[in-house]
C-alpha atoms as a PDB file:
ATOM      1  CA  MET A   1     -13.634 -17.380  -7.260  1.00  0.00           C
ATOM      2  CA  LYS A   2     -15.743 -14.363  -8.775  1.00  0.00           C
ATOM      3  CA  LEU A   3     -16.626 -11.347  -6.634  1.00  0.00           C
ATOM      4  CA  ILE A   4     -20.378 -11.215  -6.412  1.00  0.00           C
ATOM      5  CA  GLY A   5     -22.214  -8.435  -4.852  1.00  0.00           C
ATOM      6  CA  ARG A   6     -20.403  -5.583  -2.841  1.00  0.00           C
ATOM      7  CA  GLU A   7     -21.741  -3.167  -5.733  1.00  0.00           C
ATOM      8  CA  ALA A   8     -21.536  -0.052  -3.293  1.00  0.00           C
ATOM      9  CA  GLN A   9     -17.853  -0.905  -2.426  1.00  0.00           C
ATOM     10  CA  LYS A  10     -16.885  -1.465  -6.228  1.00  0.00           C
ATOM     11  CA  LYS A  11     -18.531   1.891  -7.202  1.00  0.00           C
ATOM     12  CA  GLN A  12     -16.534   3.556  -4.598  1.00  0.00           C
ATOM     13  CA  ILE A  13     -13.183   1.859  -5.687  1.00  0.00           C
ATOM     14  CA  GLU A  14     -14.151   3.052  -9.474  1.00  0.00           C
ATOM     15  CA  ARG A  15     -14.610   6.319  -8.437  1.00  0.00           C
ATOM     16  CA  TYR A  16     -11.085   6.566  -6.949  1.00  0.00           C
ATOM     17  CA  PHE A  17      -9.568   4.956  -9.537  1.00  0.00           C
ATOM     18  CA  VAL A  18     -10.886   7.045 -12.713  1.00  0.00           C
ATOM     19  CA  ASP A  19     -10.414  10.175 -10.688  1.00  0.00           C
ATOM     20  CA  ASP A  20      -7.724  12.789 -11.797  1.00  0.00           C
ATOM     21  CA  ARG A  21      -6.318  13.141  -8.228  1.00  0.00           C
ATOM     22  CA  SER A  22      -4.419  10.524  -6.218  1.00  0.00           C
ATOM     23  CA  HIS A  23      -6.499   8.981  -3.344  1.00  0.00           C
ATOM     24  CA  PHE A  24      -5.476   7.465  -0.059  1.00  0.00           C
ATOM     25  CA  MET A  25      -8.417   4.637   0.456  1.00  0.00           C
ATOM     26  CA  VAL A  26      -8.416   2.613   3.710  1.00  0.00           C
ATOM     27  CA  VAL A  27     -10.495  -0.669   3.779  1.00  0.00           C
ATOM     28  CA  TYR A  28     -11.164  -1.770   7.265  1.00  0.00           C
ATOM     29  CA  GLY A  29     -13.391  -4.218   9.056  1.00  0.00           C
ATOM     30  CA  ARG A  30     -13.178  -7.665  11.054  1.00  0.00           C
ATOM     31  CA  ARG A  31     -10.746 -10.364  10.015  1.00  0.00           C
ATOM     32  CA  ARG A  32     -12.016 -12.862   7.316  1.00  0.00           C
ATOM     33  CA  ILE A  33     -14.695 -10.588   5.711  1.00  0.00           C
ATOM     34  CA  GLY A  34     -13.204 -10.449   2.435  1.00  0.00           C
ATOM     35  CA  LYS A  35     -11.463  -7.020   2.338  1.00  0.00           C
ATOM     36  CA  THR A  36      -8.411  -8.526   0.601  1.00  0.00           C
ATOM     37  CA  PHE A  37     -10.611 -10.607  -1.579  1.00  0.00           C
ATOM     38  CA  LEU A  38     -12.466  -7.663  -2.657  1.00  0.00           C
ATOM     39  CA  ILE A  39      -9.394  -5.394  -3.728  1.00  0.00           C
ATOM     40  CA  LYS A  40      -7.743  -8.239  -5.233  1.00  0.00           C
ATOM     41  CA  GLU A  41     -10.467  -9.519  -7.402  1.00  0.00           C
ATOM     42  CA  TYR A  42     -11.350  -5.828  -8.221  1.00  0.00           C
ATOM     43  CA  PHE A  43      -7.963  -5.346  -9.858  1.00  0.00           C
ATOM     44  CA  GLN A  44      -7.515  -8.787 -10.903  1.00  0.00           C
ATOM     45  CA  ASN A  45      -4.024  -8.871  -8.953  1.00  0.00           C
ATOM     46  CA  ASP A  46      -2.824  -6.136 -11.376  1.00  0.00           C
ATOM     47  CA  PHE A  47      -0.960  -3.711  -8.788  1.00  0.00           C
ATOM     48  CA  ALA A  48       1.941  -1.431  -9.326  1.00  0.00           C
ATOM     49  CA  PHE A  49       2.868  -2.580  -6.030  1.00  0.00           C
ATOM     50  CA  TYR A  50       1.554  -4.959  -3.546  1.00  0.00           C
ATOM     51  CA  CYS A  51       2.809  -5.987  -0.149  1.00  0.00           C
ATOM     52  CA  THR A  52       1.266  -7.747   2.926  1.00  0.00           C
ATOM     53  CA  GLY A  53       2.588  -7.105   6.520  1.00  0.00           C
ATOM     54  CA  LEU A  54       3.954 -10.091   8.196  1.00  0.00           C
ATOM     55  CA  LEU A  55       1.675 -10.972  11.201  1.00  0.00           C
ATOM     56  CA  ASN A  56       3.923 -10.892  14.460  1.00  0.00           C
ATOM     57  CA  GLY A  57       7.152 -10.153  12.585  1.00  0.00           C
ATOM     58  CA  ASN A  58       9.582  -8.036  13.905  1.00  0.00           C
ATOM     59  CA  LYS A  59      10.983  -4.969  12.322  1.00  0.00           C
ATOM     60  CA  GLY A  60      13.800  -6.686  10.444  1.00  0.00           C
ATOM     61  CA  LYS A  61      11.507  -9.430   8.901  1.00  0.00           C
ATOM     62  CA  GLN A  62       9.031  -6.562   8.187  1.00  0.00           C
ATOM     63  CA  LEU A  63      11.446  -4.734   6.570  1.00  0.00           C
ATOM     64  CA  ASN A  64      13.026  -7.514   4.637  1.00  0.00           C
ATOM     65  CA  ASN A  65       9.568  -8.331   3.333  1.00  0.00           C
ATOM     66  CA  PHE A  66       8.967  -4.837   2.076  1.00  0.00           C
ATOM     67  CA  VAL A  67      12.331  -4.810   0.205  1.00  0.00           C
ATOM     68  CA  THR A  68      11.966  -8.449  -1.350  1.00  0.00           C
ATOM     69  CA  ASN A  69       8.320  -7.241  -2.568  1.00  0.00           C
ATOM     70  CA  MET A  70      10.068  -3.888  -4.072  1.00  0.00           C
ATOM     71  CA  THR A  71      12.992  -5.925  -5.669  1.00  0.00           C
ATOM     72  CA  ASN A  72      10.240  -8.171  -7.051  1.00  0.00           C
ATOM     73  CA  GLN A  73       7.819  -5.971  -8.601  1.00  0.00           C
ATOM     74  CA  LEU A  74       9.669  -2.624  -9.301  1.00  0.00           C
ATOM     75  CA  ALA A  75      12.006  -2.399 -12.208  1.00  0.00           C
ATOM     76  CA  PHE A  76      13.395   0.932 -10.987  1.00  0.00           C
ATOM     77  CA  PHE A  77      14.380  -0.106  -7.456  1.00  0.00           C
ATOM     78  CA  SER A  78      17.762   0.358  -6.459  1.00  0.00           C
ATOM     79  CA  GLU A  79      18.796  -2.992  -4.717  1.00  0.00           C
ATOM     80  CA  ASN A  80      21.623  -1.248  -3.730  1.00  0.00           C
ATOM     81  CA  ALA A  81      19.618   1.145  -1.137  1.00  0.00           C
ATOM     82  CA  THR A  82      20.228   1.377   2.495  1.00  0.00           C
ATOM     83  CA  ILE A  83      16.927   0.527   4.036  1.00  0.00           C
ATOM     84  CA  ASN A  84      17.213   0.872   8.079  1.00  0.00           C
ATOM     85  CA  ASN A  85      13.389   1.450   8.355  1.00  0.00           C
ATOM     86  CA  CYS A  86      10.099   2.344   6.883  1.00  0.00           C
ATOM     87  CA  TYR A  87      10.956   5.664   6.487  1.00  0.00           C
ATOM     88  CA  ASP A  88      13.793   4.751   4.185  1.00  0.00           C
ATOM     89  CA  ALA A  89      11.565   1.928   2.541  1.00  0.00           C
ATOM     90  CA  PHE A  90       8.946   4.757   1.429  1.00  0.00           C
ATOM     91  CA  ASN A  91      11.517   7.159   0.347  1.00  0.00           C
ATOM     92  CA  GLU A  92      12.852   3.997  -2.025  1.00  0.00           C
ATOM     93  CA  LEU A  93       9.304   3.330  -2.935  1.00  0.00           C
ATOM     94  CA  ILE A  94       8.719   7.493  -4.044  1.00  0.00           C
ATOM     95  CA  LYS A  95      12.126   6.837  -5.774  1.00  0.00           C
ATOM     96  CA  ALA A  96      11.155   3.765  -7.939  1.00  0.00           C
ATOM     97  CA  PHE A  97       7.741   5.275  -8.845  1.00  0.00           C
ATOM     98  CA  SER A  98       9.059   8.702  -9.841  1.00  0.00           C
ATOM     99  CA  LYS A  99      10.900   7.066 -12.618  1.00  0.00           C
ATOM    100  CA  ILE A 100       7.725   5.507 -13.953  1.00  0.00           C
ATOM    101  CA  LYS A 101       6.566   7.460 -17.044  1.00  0.00           C
ATOM    102  CA  GLY A 102       2.965   8.122 -17.984  1.00  0.00           C
ATOM    103  CA  ASN A 103      -0.055   8.936 -16.432  1.00  0.00           C
ATOM    104  CA  GLN A 104      -1.906   5.750 -16.073  1.00  0.00           C
ATOM    105  CA  LYS A 105      -3.138   5.160 -12.355  1.00  0.00           C
ATOM    106  CA  LYS A 106      -0.907   3.217 -10.357  1.00  0.00           C
ATOM    107  CA  VAL A 107      -2.348   1.320  -7.804  1.00  0.00           C
ATOM    108  CA  ILE A 108      -0.241   0.698  -4.514  1.00  0.00           C
ATOM    109  CA  PHE A 109      -1.891  -1.993  -2.139  1.00  0.00           C
ATOM    110  CA  LEU A 110      -0.483  -2.708   1.419  1.00  0.00           C
ATOM    111  CA  ASP A 111      -2.235  -5.323   3.068  1.00  0.00           C
ATOM    112  CA  GLU A 112      -2.528  -6.242   7.075  1.00  0.00           C
ATOM    113  CA  LEU A 113      -0.858  -2.614   7.332  1.00  0.00           C
ATOM    114  CA  PRO A 114      -0.726  -2.666  11.268  1.00  0.00           C
ATOM    115  CA  SER A 115       1.520  -5.591  11.051  1.00  0.00           C
ATOM    116  CA  THR A 116       4.161  -3.319   9.502  1.00  0.00           C
ATOM    117  CA  ASP A 117       3.863  -0.716  12.379  1.00  0.00           C
ATOM    118  CA  THR A 118       6.438  -2.487  14.681  1.00  0.00           C
ATOM    119  CA  ALA A 119       8.675  -0.816  17.691  1.00  0.00           C
ATOM    120  CA  GLY A 120      11.436   1.207  15.837  1.00  0.00           C
ATOM    121  CA  SER A 121      10.318   1.006  12.355  1.00  0.00           C
ATOM    122  CA  ASP A 122       9.235   4.769  12.029  1.00  0.00           C
ATOM    123  CA  PHE A 123       6.364   3.309   9.755  1.00  0.00           C
ATOM    124  CA  LEU A 124       3.964   6.192  10.690  1.00  0.00           C
ATOM    125  CA  LEU A 125       6.546   8.692   9.760  1.00  0.00           C
ATOM    126  CA  GLY A 126       7.373   6.849   6.572  1.00  0.00           C
ATOM    127  CA  LEU A 127       3.368   6.717   5.390  1.00  0.00           C
ATOM    128  CA  GLU A 128       2.910  10.187   6.672  1.00  0.00           C
ATOM    129  CA  TYR A 129       6.040  11.305   4.389  1.00  0.00           C
ATOM    130  CA  PHE A 130       5.042   9.181   1.440  1.00  0.00           C
ATOM    131  CA  TRP A 131       1.336  10.375   1.235  1.00  0.00           C
ATOM    132  CA  ASN A 132       1.759  14.077   2.305  1.00  0.00           C
ATOM    133  CA  SER A 133       4.874  14.869   0.301  1.00  0.00           C
ATOM    134  CA  TRP A 134       4.654  12.760  -2.667  1.00  0.00           C
ATOM    135  CA  ALA A 135       1.673  10.595  -3.323  1.00  0.00           C
ATOM    136  CA  SER A 136      -1.063  13.438  -2.531  1.00  0.00           C
ATOM    137  CA  ALA A 137       0.678  15.813  -4.717  1.00  0.00           C
ATOM    138  CA  ARG A 138       0.326  13.508  -7.850  1.00  0.00           C
ATOM    139  CA  LYS A 139      -2.667  12.591 -10.021  1.00  0.00           C
ATOM    140  CA  ASP A 140      -2.179   9.063 -10.698  1.00  0.00           C
ATOM    141  CA  ILE A 141      -1.537   7.188  -7.517  1.00  0.00           C
ATOM    142  CA  LEU A 142      -4.504   5.034  -5.700  1.00  0.00           C
ATOM    143  CA  PHE A 143      -3.060   3.945  -2.619  1.00  0.00           C
ATOM    144  CA  ILE A 144      -4.920   1.290  -0.784  1.00  0.00           C
ATOM    145  CA  VAL A 145      -4.268  -0.092   2.520  1.00  0.00           C
ATOM    146  CA  CYS A 146      -6.270  -3.007   4.060  1.00  0.00           C
ATOM    147  CA  VAL A 147      -6.545  -3.206   8.051  1.00  0.00           C
ATOM    148  CA  SER A 148      -8.148  -5.460  10.387  1.00  0.00           C
ATOM    149  CA  ALA A 149      -7.377  -4.014  13.709  1.00  0.00           C
ATOM    150  CA  THR A 150     -10.006  -1.046  13.458  1.00  0.00           C
ATOM    151  CA  SER A 151      -8.647   0.225  16.705  1.00  0.00           C
ATOM    152  CA  TRP A 152      -4.969   0.776  15.108  1.00  0.00           C
ATOM    153  CA  VAL A 153      -6.712   3.209  12.658  1.00  0.00           C
ATOM    154  CA  VAL A 154      -8.561   4.968  15.169  1.00  0.00           C
ATOM    155  CA  ASN A 155      -5.849   5.487  17.634  1.00  0.00           C
ATOM    156  CA  LYS A 156      -2.998   6.193  14.849  1.00  0.00           C
END
């Protein structure tokens, strides 16, 4: 399928992508309106890292999913890393991306973000640490999250 329309959204994405600063972009709205499709089509599925949260997945399954995606997508990810929660997972993401050379913008896309925020996962702690201590200080990160549960964004 081809992306038709959405000119305002495409311009906003382009502005963040070409800017010489890092950006945290939240794409939210009702289910099944094309949020994920917009991002995947715009970037032609070419992400530095991509992960989709598992609907109704528990902490263990979410972490396993995240680690599996890091193992499959990131050359500098250490498979021997001990990951007990999302804080650890985001720390490993920082380590892996810190080893990547070059100034080219790196697009990190996390889809269905609220699904990953499970009991005891330390998800928000890890996300906050990832963005505030590392990604926001760089110039080469476009961090995109998709959220269907708008109330989650407002409340968290």
